[in-house]
PDB file of N, CA and C in Angstrom:
ATOM      1  N   LEU A   1       0.829  -1.006   0.113  1.00  0.00           N
ATOM      2  CA  LEU A   1      -0.136  -0.048  -0.026  1.00  0.00           C
ATOM      3  C   LEU A   1       1.048   1.339  -0.053  1.00  0.00           C
ATOM      4  N   PHE A   2       0.577   2.195  -0.783  1.00  0.00           N
ATOM      5  CA  PHE A   2       1.183   3.303  -0.915  1.00  0.00           C
ATOM      6  C   PHE A   2       0.703   4.683  -0.599  1.00  0.00           C
ATOM      7  N   SER A   3       0.870   5.687  -0.162  1.00  0.00           N
ATOM      8  CA  SER A   3       0.187   6.731   0.500  1.00  0.00           C
ATOM      9  C   SER A   3       1.021   8.098   0.584  1.00  0.00           C
ATOM     10  N   GLU A   4       0.482   8.996  -0.320  1.00  0.00           N
ATOM     11  CA  GLU A   4       1.470  10.562  -0.629  1.00  0.00           C
ATOM     12  C   GLU A   4       0.249  11.613  -0.647  1.00  0.00           C
ATOM     13  N   THR A   5       0.581  12.104   0.128  1.00  0.00           N
ATOM     14  CA  THR A   5      -0.027  13.522   0.541  1.00  0.00           C
ATOM     15  C   THR A   5       0.543  14.724  -0.374  1.00  0.00           C
ATOM     16  N   LEU A   6       0.160  15.416  -1.023  1.00  0.00           N
ATOM     17  CA  LEU A   6       0.979  16.265  -2.206  1.00  0.00           C
ATOM     18  C   LEU A   6       0.649  17.795  -1.629  1.00  0.00           C
ATOM     19  N   CYS A   7      -0.861  17.809  -1.390  1.00  0.00           N
ATOM     20  CA  CYS A   7      -1.230  19.040  -0.537  1.00  0.00           C
ATOM     21  C   CYS A   7      -2.287  18.977   0.621  1.00  0.00           C
ATOM     22  N   SER A   8      -2.469  19.833   1.304  1.00  0.00           N
ATOM     23  CA  SER A   8      -3.695  19.736   2.225  1.00  0.00           C
ATOM     24  C   SER A   8      -4.474  20.970   2.115  1.00  0.00           C
ATOM     25  N   LEU A   9      -5.695  21.320   1.999  1.00  0.00           N
ATOM     26  CA  LEU A   9      -6.150  22.417   2.186  1.00  0.00           C
ATOM     27  C   LEU A   9      -7.351  22.796   2.565  1.00  0.00           C
ATOM     28  N   THR A  10      -7.813  23.716   3.211  1.00  0.00           N
ATOM     29  CA  THR A  10      -9.139  23.653   4.129  1.00  0.00           C
ATOM     30  C   THR A  10     -10.027  24.838   3.309  1.00  0.00           C
ATOM     31  N   LEU A  11     -11.336  24.428   2.844  1.00  0.00           N
ATOM     32  CA  LEU A  11     -12.105  25.009   2.215  1.00  0.00           C
ATOM     33  C   LEU A  11     -13.219  25.333   3.073  1.00  0.00           C
ATOM     34  N   GLU A  12     -14.037  26.459   3.323  1.00  0.00           N
ATOM     35  CA  GLU A  12     -15.225  26.842   3.979  1.00  0.00           C
ATOM     36  C   GLU A  12     -16.036  27.094   2.639  1.00  0.00           C
ATOM     37  N   ALA A  13     -17.242  27.186   2.733  1.00  0.00           N
ATOM     38  CA  ALA A  13     -18.529  27.644   1.957  1.00  0.00           C
ATOM     39  C   ALA A  13     -19.551  27.699   2.652  1.00  0.00           C
ATOM     40  N   GLU A  14     -20.521  28.568   2.104  1.00  0.00           N
ATOM     41  CA  GLU A  14     -21.860  29.032   2.636  1.00  0.00           C
ATOM     42  C   GLU A  14     -22.643  27.890   2.101  1.00  0.00           C
ATOM     43  N   ALA A  15     -23.733  27.614   2.812  1.00  0.00           N
ATOM     44  CA  ALA A  15     -25.016  26.591   2.398  1.00  0.00           C
ATOM     45  C   ALA A  15     -25.328  27.033   0.985  1.00  0.00           C
ATOM     46  N   GLY A  16     -25.465  26.250   0.121  1.00  0.00           N
ATOM     47  CA  GLY A  16     -26.285  26.704  -1.044  1.00  0.00           C
ATOM     48  C   GLY A  16     -24.835  27.039  -2.220  1.00  0.00           C
ATOM     49  N   ASP A  17     -23.681  27.365  -1.652  1.00  0.00           N
ATOM     50  CA  ASP A  17     -22.399  27.602  -2.703  1.00  0.00           C
ATOM     51  C   ASP A  17     -22.208  26.451  -3.557  1.00  0.00           C
ATOM     52  N   LYS A  18     -21.292  26.636  -4.609  1.00  0.00           N
ATOM     53  CA  LYS A  18     -21.060  25.805  -5.407  1.00  0.00           C
ATOM     54  C   LYS A  18     -19.365  25.523  -5.121  1.00  0.00           C
ATOM     55  N   VAL A  19     -18.855  24.288  -4.969  1.00  0.00           N
ATOM     56  CA  VAL A  19     -17.372  24.343  -4.431  1.00  0.00           C
ATOM     57  C   VAL A  19     -16.489  23.339  -5.552  1.00  0.00           C
ATOM     58  N   THR A  20     -15.527  23.595  -6.042  1.00  0.00           N
ATOM     59  CA  THR A  20     -14.817  22.636  -6.629  1.00  0.00           C
ATOM     60  C   THR A  20     -13.097  22.649  -6.254  1.00  0.00           C
ATOM     61  N   ILE A  21     -12.959  21.122  -5.829  1.00  0.00           N
ATOM     62  CA  ILE A  21     -11.693  20.763  -5.214  1.00  0.00           C
ATOM     63  C   ILE A  21     -10.934  20.273  -6.470  1.00  0.00           C
ATOM     64  N   TRP A  22      -9.704  20.410  -6.613  1.00  0.00           N
ATOM     65  CA  TRP A  22      -8.856  20.001  -7.627  1.00  0.00           C
ATOM     66  C   TRP A  22      -7.516  19.007  -6.907  1.00  0.00           C
ATOM     67  N   CYS A  23      -7.350  18.151  -7.846  1.00  0.00           N
ATOM     68  CA  CYS A  23      -6.391  17.202  -7.606  1.00  0.00           C
ATOM     69  C   CYS A  23      -5.211  16.877  -8.617  1.00  0.00           C
ATOM     70  N   GLU A  24      -4.307  16.753  -8.574  1.00  0.00           N
ATOM     71  CA  GLU A  24      -3.126  16.128  -9.900  1.00  0.00           C
ATOM     72  C   GLU A  24      -3.070  15.002  -9.743  1.00  0.00           C
ATOM     73  N   PHE A  25      -2.785  14.452 -10.748  1.00  0.00           N
ATOM     74  CA  PHE A  25      -2.487  12.720 -10.916  1.00  0.00           C
ATOM     75  C   PHE A  25      -1.227  12.743 -11.821  1.00  0.00           C
ATOM     76  N   ASN A  26      -0.869  11.824 -11.999  1.00  0.00           N
ATOM     77  CA  ASN A  26       0.387  11.154 -13.227  1.00  0.00           C
ATOM     78  C   ASN A  26      -0.638  10.289 -14.315  1.00  0.00           C
ATOM     79  N   PRO A  27      -0.753  11.227 -15.218  1.00  0.00           N
ATOM     80  CA  PRO A  27      -1.439  10.170 -16.343  1.00  0.00           C
ATOM     81  C   PRO A  27      -0.619   9.082 -16.751  1.00  0.00           C
ATOM     82  N   ASN A  28       0.539   8.772 -16.623  1.00  0.00           N
ATOM     83  CA  ASN A  28       1.343   7.841 -17.196  1.00  0.00           C
ATOM     84  C   ASN A  28       1.299   6.541 -16.327  1.00  0.00           C
ATOM     85  N   VAL A  29       0.713   6.585 -15.081  1.00  0.00           N
ATOM     86  CA  VAL A  29       0.423   5.677 -13.921  1.00  0.00           C
ATOM     87  C   VAL A  29      -1.163   5.295 -13.656  1.00  0.00           C
ATOM     88  N   ALA A  30      -2.142   6.389 -13.851  1.00  0.00           N
ATOM     89  CA  ALA A  30      -3.301   6.006 -13.684  1.00  0.00           C
ATOM     90  C   ALA A  30      -4.207   5.616 -14.820  1.00  0.00           C
ATOM     91  N   ASN A  31      -5.100   4.823 -14.307  1.00  0.00           N
ATOM     92  CA  ASN A  31      -6.069   4.143 -15.544  1.00  0.00           C
ATOM     93  C   ASN A  31      -7.545   4.416 -14.546  1.00  0.00           C
ATOM     94  N   TYR A  32      -7.645   4.027 -13.490  1.00  0.00           N
ATOM     95  CA  TYR A  32      -8.873   4.510 -12.751  1.00  0.00           C
ATOM     96  C   TYR A  32      -8.659   5.655 -11.596  1.00  0.00           C
ATOM     97  N   ILE A  33      -9.368   6.814 -11.578  1.00  0.00           N
ATOM     98  CA  ILE A  33      -8.934   7.763 -10.977  1.00  0.00           C
ATOM     99  C   ILE A  33     -10.295   7.890 -10.237  1.00  0.00           C
ATOM    100  N   PHE A  34     -10.358   8.092  -8.656  1.00  0.00           N
ATOM    101  CA  PHE A  34     -11.334   7.853  -7.755  1.00  0.00           C
ATOM    102  C   PHE A  34     -11.480   9.260  -7.209  1.00  0.00           C
ATOM    103  N   TRP A  35     -12.684   9.462  -6.301  1.00  0.00           N
ATOM    104  CA  TRP A  35     -12.593  10.310  -5.679  1.00  0.00           C
ATOM    105  C   TRP A  35     -13.763  10.205  -4.348  1.00  0.00           C
ATOM    106  N   PHE A  36     -12.777  10.232  -2.888  1.00  0.00           N
ATOM    107  CA  PHE A  36     -13.670   9.748  -2.112  1.00  0.00           C
ATOM    108  C   PHE A  36     -13.835  11.046  -0.654  1.00  0.00           C
ATOM    109  N   LYS A  37     -14.891  10.519  -0.147  1.00  0.00           N
ATOM    110  CA  LYS A  37     -15.071  11.244   1.121  1.00  0.00           C
ATOM    111  C   LYS A  37     -14.930  11.197   2.471  1.00  0.00           C
ATOM    112  N   HIS A  38     -14.203  11.226   3.754  1.00  0.00           N
ATOM    113  CA  HIS A  38     -13.997  10.835   4.786  1.00  0.00           C
ATOM    114  C   HIS A  38     -14.664  11.315   5.992  1.00  0.00           C
ATOM    115  N   MET A  39     -15.435  10.696   6.447  1.00  0.00           N
ATOM    116  CA  MET A  39     -15.562  11.377   7.943  1.00  0.00           C
ATOM    117  C   MET A  39     -15.030  10.458   8.897  1.00  0.00           C
ATOM    118  N   SER A  40     -14.924  11.173  10.307  1.00  0.00           N
ATOM    119  CA  SER A  40     -14.154  10.426  11.080  1.00  0.00           C
ATOM    120  C   SER A  40     -14.918   9.463  11.920  1.00  0.00           C
ATOM    121  N   ASP A  41     -16.080   9.285  11.662  1.00  0.00           N
ATOM    122  CA  ASP A  41     -16.937   8.288  12.004  1.00  0.00           C
ATOM    123  C   ASP A  41     -17.421   7.052  10.996  1.00  0.00           C
ATOM    124  N   SER A  42     -16.950   6.894   9.963  1.00  0.00           N
ATOM    125  CA  SER A  42     -17.197   6.184   8.884  1.00  0.00           C
ATOM    126  C   SER A  42     -15.946   5.572   7.824  1.00  0.00           C
ATOM    127  N   VAL A  43     -16.115   4.767   7.141  1.00  0.00           N
ATOM    128  CA  VAL A  43     -15.460   4.353   6.178  1.00  0.00           C
ATOM    129  C   VAL A  43     -15.394   5.179   5.052  1.00  0.00           C
ATOM    130  N   PRO A  44     -14.118   5.149   4.225  1.00  0.00           N
ATOM    131  CA  PRO A  44     -14.527   6.363   2.964  1.00  0.00           C
ATOM    132  C   PRO A  44     -15.465   6.080   2.219  1.00  0.00           C
ATOM    133  N   LEU A  45     -16.265   6.972   1.516  1.00  0.00           N
ATOM    134  CA  LEU A  45     -17.416   7.096   0.909  1.00  0.00           C
ATOM    135  C   LEU A  45     -16.961   7.456  -0.313  1.00  0.00           C
ATOM    136  N   LEU A  46     -17.186   6.269  -1.773  1.00  0.00           N
ATOM    137  CA  LEU A  46     -16.762   6.739  -3.108  1.00  0.00           C
ATOM    138  C   LEU A  46     -17.783   7.914  -3.418  1.00  0.00           C
ATOM    139  N   LEU A  47     -17.063   8.683  -4.001  1.00  0.00           N
ATOM    140  CA  LEU A  47     -17.863   9.968  -4.792  1.00  0.00           C
ATOM    141  C   LEU A  47     -17.758   9.611  -6.109  1.00  0.00           C
ATOM    142  N   GLY A  48     -16.800   9.578  -6.951  1.00  0.00           N
ATOM    143  CA  GLY A  48     -16.714   9.385  -8.212  1.00  0.00           C
ATOM    144  C   GLY A  48     -15.586   8.572  -8.519  1.00  0.00           C
ATOM    145  N   CYS A  49     -15.717   8.235  -9.854  1.00  0.00           N
ATOM    146  CA  CYS A  49     -14.749   6.988 -10.427  1.00  0.00           C
ATOM    147  C   CYS A  49     -14.696   7.505 -11.900  1.00  0.00           C
ATOM    148  N   LYS A  50     -13.743   7.350 -12.715  1.00  0.00           N
ATOM    149  CA  LYS A  50     -13.340   7.562 -13.770  1.00  0.00           C
ATOM    150  C   LYS A  50     -12.403   6.424 -14.271  1.00  0.00           C
ATOM    151  N   TRP A  51     -12.314   6.029 -15.678  1.00  0.00           N
ATOM    152  CA  TRP A  51     -11.811   5.071 -16.219  1.00  0.00           C
ATOM    153  C   TRP A  51     -11.140   6.436 -17.097  1.00  0.00           C
ATOM    154  N   PHE A  52      -9.464   6.447 -17.466  1.00  0.00           N
ATOM    155  CA  PHE A  52      -8.825   7.429 -17.895  1.00  0.00           C
ATOM    156  C   PHE A  52      -7.472   6.762 -18.512  1.00  0.00           C
ATOM    157  N   THR A  53      -7.337   7.064 -19.942  1.00  0.00           N
ATOM    158  CA  THR A  53      -5.975   6.593 -20.929  1.00  0.00           C
ATOM    159  C   THR A  53      -5.589   8.001 -21.411  1.00  0.00           C
ATOM    160  N   THR A  54      -4.193   8.323 -21.522  1.00  0.00           N
ATOM    161  CA  THR A  54      -3.908   9.617 -22.006  1.00  0.00           C
ATOM    162  C   THR A  54      -4.300   9.580 -23.781  1.00  0.00           C
ATOM    163  N   SER A  55      -4.895   8.518 -24.467  1.00  0.00           N
ATOM    164  CA  SER A  55      -5.129   8.703 -25.850  1.00  0.00           C
ATOM    165  C   SER A  55      -6.721   8.782 -26.069  1.00  0.00           C
ATOM    166  N   ASP A  56      -7.483   8.509 -24.800  1.00  0.00           N
ATOM    167  CA  ASP A  56      -8.972   8.799 -24.974  1.00  0.00           C
ATOM    168  C   ASP A  56      -9.657   9.480 -23.853  1.00  0.00           C
ATOM    169  N   PRO A  57     -10.579  10.254 -24.307  1.00  0.00           N
ATOM    170  CA  PRO A  57     -11.308  10.933 -23.437  1.00  0.00           C
ATOM    171  C   PRO A  57     -11.713   9.988 -22.108  1.00  0.00           C
ATOM    172  N   SER A  58     -11.939  10.498 -20.794  1.00  0.00           N
ATOM    173  CA  SER A  58     -12.191   9.986 -19.776  1.00  0.00           C
ATOM    174  C   SER A  58     -13.752   9.245 -19.561  1.00  0.00           C
ATOM    175  N   VAL A  59     -13.946   7.993 -19.144  1.00  0.00           N
ATOM    176  CA  VAL A  59     -15.453   7.603 -19.269  1.00  0.00           C
ATOM    177  C   VAL A  59     -15.763   7.226 -17.597  1.00  0.00           C
ATOM    178  N   ASP A  60     -17.115   7.101 -17.620  1.00  0.00           N
ATOM    179  CA  ASP A  60     -17.391   6.863 -16.178  1.00  0.00           C
ATOM    180  C   ASP A  60     -17.098   5.494 -15.821  1.00  0.00           C
ATOM    181  N   CYS A  61     -16.740   4.923 -14.781  1.00  0.00           N
ATOM    182  CA  CYS A  61     -16.724   3.925 -14.608  1.00  0.00           C
ATOM    183  C   CYS A  61     -18.005   3.011 -14.264  1.00  0.00           C
ATOM    184  N   THR A  62     -18.219   1.902 -14.918  1.00  0.00           N
ATOM    185  CA  THR A  62     -19.518   1.000 -15.111  1.00  0.00           C
ATOM    186  C   THR A  62     -20.300   0.582 -13.763  1.00  0.00           C
ATOM    187  N   PHE A  63     -18.984   0.591 -12.780  1.00  0.00           N
ATOM    188  CA  PHE A  63     -19.803  -0.124 -11.796  1.00  0.00           C
ATOM    189  C   PHE A  63     -20.103   1.087 -10.753  1.00  0.00           C
ATOM    190  N   PHE A  64     -20.186   2.263 -11.015  1.00  0.00           N
ATOM    191  CA  PHE A  64     -20.184   3.434 -10.225  1.00  0.00           C
ATOM    192  C   PHE A  64     -21.669   4.588 -10.936  1.00  0.00           C
ATOM    193  N   THR A  65     -22.508   5.031 -10.093  1.00  0.00           N
ATOM    194  CA  THR A  65     -22.971   6.133 -10.890  1.00  0.00           C
ATOM    195  C   THR A  65     -23.075   7.173  -9.865  1.00  0.00           C
ATOM    196  N   GLU A  66     -22.703   8.397 -10.625  1.00  0.00           N
ATOM    197  CA  GLU A  66     -22.433   9.618 -10.088  1.00  0.00           C
ATOM    198  C   GLU A  66     -23.678  10.253  -9.388  1.00  0.00           C
ATOM    199  N   SER A  67     -23.580  11.166  -8.333  1.00  0.00           N
ATOM    200  CA  SER A  67     -24.710  11.848  -8.073  1.00  0.00           C
ATOM    201  C   SER A  67     -24.912  13.025  -9.083  1.00  0.00           C
ATOM    202  N   GLU A  68     -26.074  13.547  -8.797  1.00  0.00           N
ATOM    203  CA  GLU A  68     -26.290  14.736 -10.031  1.00  0.00           C
ATOM    204  C   GLU A  68     -25.703  16.047  -9.394  1.00  0.00           C
ATOM    205  N   ARG A  69     -25.561  16.156  -7.859  1.00  0.00           N
ATOM    206  CA  ARG A  69     -24.972  17.306  -7.188  1.00  0.00           C
ATOM    207  C   ARG A  69     -23.565  17.481  -7.211  1.00  0.00           C
ATOM    208  N   ILE A  70     -23.172  16.187  -7.068  1.00  0.00           N
ATOM    209  CA  ILE A  70     -21.455  15.942  -6.763  1.00  0.00           C
ATOM    210  C   ILE A  70     -20.883  15.104  -8.141  1.00  0.00           C
ATOM    211  N   VAL A  71     -19.800  16.070  -9.088  1.00  0.00           N
ATOM    212  CA  VAL A  71     -20.003  15.322 -10.052  1.00  0.00           C
ATOM    213  C   VAL A  71     -17.922  15.849 -10.393  1.00  0.00           C
ATOM    214  N   MET A  72     -17.785  14.780 -11.020  1.00  0.00           N
ATOM    215  CA  MET A  72     -16.011  14.425 -11.330  1.00  0.00           C
ATOM    216  C   MET A  72     -16.049  14.860 -12.511  1.00  0.00           C
ATOM    217  N   SER A  73     -14.774  15.362 -12.982  1.00  0.00           N
ATOM    218  CA  SER A  73     -14.241  15.601 -14.068  1.00  0.00           C
ATOM    219  C   SER A  73     -12.581  15.358 -14.124  1.00  0.00           C
ATOM    220  N   VAL A  74     -12.216  14.956 -15.200  1.00  0.00           N
ATOM    221  CA  VAL A  74     -10.843  14.942 -15.718  1.00  0.00           C
ATOM    222  C   VAL A  74     -10.389  15.806 -16.764  1.00  0.00           C
ATOM    223  N   HIS A  75      -9.338  16.459 -16.700  1.00  0.00           N
ATOM    224  CA  HIS A  75      -8.723  17.387 -17.434  1.00  0.00           C
ATOM    225  C   HIS A  75      -7.108  17.277 -17.446  1.00  0.00           C
ATOM    226  N   ASP A  76      -6.789  16.775 -18.391  1.00  0.00           N
ATOM    227  CA  ASP A  76      -5.108  16.373 -18.510  1.00  0.00           C
ATOM    228  C   ASP A  76      -4.558  15.855 -17.453  1.00  0.00           C
ATOM    229  N   LYS A  77      -4.076  16.544 -16.643  1.00  0.00           N
ATOM    230  CA  LYS A  77      -3.181  15.732 -15.558  1.00  0.00           C
ATOM    231  C   LYS A  77      -3.811  15.985 -14.217  1.00  0.00           C
ATOM    232  N   ASN A  78      -5.489  16.766 -14.344  1.00  0.00           N
ATOM    233  CA  ASN A  78      -5.895  16.967 -12.985  1.00  0.00           C
ATOM    234  C   ASN A  78      -7.115  16.189 -13.173  1.00  0.00           C
ATOM    235  N   THR A  79      -8.190  16.313 -12.143  1.00  0.00           N
ATOM    236  CA  THR A  79      -9.231  16.036 -11.821  1.00  0.00           C
ATOM    237  C   THR A  79      -9.767  16.947 -10.641  1.00  0.00           C
ATOM    238  N   SER A  80     -11.295  16.875 -11.211  1.00  0.00           N
ATOM    239  CA  SER A  80     -11.818  17.704 -10.038  1.00  0.00           C
ATOM    240  C   SER A  80     -13.136  17.254  -9.769  1.00  0.00           C
ATOM    241  N   LEU A  81     -13.894  17.679  -8.593  1.00  0.00           N
ATOM    242  CA  LEU A  81     -14.773  17.179  -7.881  1.00  0.00           C
ATOM    243  C   LEU A  81     -15.546  18.561  -7.537  1.00  0.00           C
ATOM    244  N   THR A  82     -16.819  18.750  -8.171  1.00  0.00           N
ATOM    245  CA  THR A  82     -17.679  20.031  -7.742  1.00  0.00           C
ATOM    246  C   THR A  82     -18.755  19.515  -7.180  1.00  0.00           C
ATOM    247  N   ILE A  83     -19.115  20.242  -5.905  1.00  0.00           N
ATOM    248  CA  ILE A  83     -20.386  20.022  -5.200  1.00  0.00           C
ATOM    249  C   ILE A  83     -21.284  21.231  -5.586  1.00  0.00           C
ATOM    250  N   THR A  84     -22.389  21.070  -5.779  1.00  0.00           N
ATOM    251  CA  THR A  84     -23.431  22.381  -6.299  1.00  0.00           C
ATOM    252  C   THR A  84     -24.308  22.180  -4.691  1.00  0.00           C
ATOM    253  N   ALA A  85     -24.983  23.326  -4.617  1.00  0.00           N
ATOM    254  CA  ALA A  85     -25.830  23.157  -3.278  1.00  0.00           C
ATOM    255  C   ALA A  85     -25.133  22.718  -2.207  1.00  0.00           C
ATOM    256  N   VAL A  86     -24.136  22.905  -1.600  1.00  0.00           N
ATOM    257  CA  VAL A  86     -23.305  22.626  -0.248  1.00  0.00           C
ATOM    258  C   VAL A  86     -24.346  22.875   0.618  1.00  0.00           C
ATOM    259  N   ASN A  87     -23.951  21.756   1.591  1.00  0.00           N
ATOM    260  CA  ASN A  87     -24.838  21.529   2.866  1.00  0.00           C
ATOM    261  C   ASN A  87     -23.877  21.175   4.125  1.00  0.00           C
ATOM    262  N   VAL A  88     -24.310  21.282   5.398  1.00  0.00           N
ATOM    263  CA  VAL A  88     -23.431  20.866   6.097  1.00  0.00           C
ATOM    264  C   VAL A  88     -23.215  19.067   6.013  1.00  0.00           C
ATOM    265  N   SER A  89     -24.158  18.432   5.688  1.00  0.00           N
ATOM    266  CA  SER A  89     -23.866  17.139   5.309  1.00  0.00           C
ATOM    267  C   SER A  89     -22.536  17.097   4.361  1.00  0.00           C
ATOM    268  N   ASP A  90     -21.944  18.127   3.665  1.00  0.00           N
ATOM    269  CA  ASP A  90     -20.983  17.788   3.055  1.00  0.00           C
ATOM    270  C   ASP A  90     -19.379  17.853   3.701  1.00  0.00           C
ATOM    271  N   THR A  91     -19.586  18.270   4.941  1.00  0.00           N
ATOM    272  CA  THR A  91     -18.500  18.356   5.509  1.00  0.00           C
ATOM    273  C   THR A  91     -17.578  17.117   5.894  1.00  0.00           C
ATOM    274  N   GLY A  92     -16.305  17.001   5.344  1.00  0.00           N
ATOM    275  CA  GLY A  92     -15.615  15.909   5.711  1.00  0.00           C
ATOM    276  C   GLY A  92     -14.351  15.914   4.907  1.00  0.00           C
ATOM    277  N   LEU A  93     -13.318  14.885   4.895  1.00  0.00           N
ATOM    278  CA  LEU A  93     -12.168  14.919   4.140  1.00  0.00           C
ATOM    279  C   LEU A  93     -12.219  14.634   2.889  1.00  0.00           C
ATOM    280  N   TYR A  94     -11.919  15.236   1.659  1.00  0.00           N
ATOM    281  CA  TYR A  94     -12.132  14.645   0.399  1.00  0.00           C
ATOM    282  C   TYR A  94     -10.683  14.397  -0.327  1.00  0.00           C
ATOM    283  N   TYR A  95     -10.551  13.452  -1.029  1.00  0.00           N
ATOM    284  CA  TYR A  95      -9.224  13.245  -1.596  1.00  0.00           C
ATOM    285  C   TYR A  95      -9.173  12.413  -2.780  1.00  0.00           C
ATOM    286  N   CYS A  96      -8.207  12.566  -3.667  1.00  0.00           N
ATOM    287  CA  CYS A  96      -8.368  11.767  -4.942  1.00  0.00           C
ATOM    288  C   CYS A  96      -7.400  10.549  -4.974  1.00  0.00           C
ATOM    289  N   SER A  97      -7.764   9.430  -5.841  1.00  0.00           N
ATOM    290  CA  SER A  97      -6.630   8.359  -5.609  1.00  0.00           C
ATOM    291  C   SER A  97      -6.746   7.835  -7.052  1.00  0.00           C
ATOM    292  N   TYR A  98      -5.742   7.202  -7.122  1.00  0.00           N
ATOM    293  CA  TYR A  98      -5.412   6.569  -8.615  1.00  0.00           C
ATOM    294  C   TYR A  98      -4.457   5.528  -8.500  1.00  0.00           C
TER     295      TYR A  98
END
């Protein structure tokens, strides 16, 4: 198991705001890219998954359906997670993995 933290950032938002979180990944290593939310009293929750290759656009993972309010995107060497209509239940630690 390998773990690496490249940066840590605290975001604050008002209820109803739209928030986008960014994460950089290595496209030469990544095939699947994931976004998770972790709260101290639970196991990590999968929020997004994309299959990515450098030669094709990213596609949704067949085993996962995204929320309409929480959407993942892939842009070259970066991935983003956008949460619309933020509310208190969105509080937690968010991270990408590949």
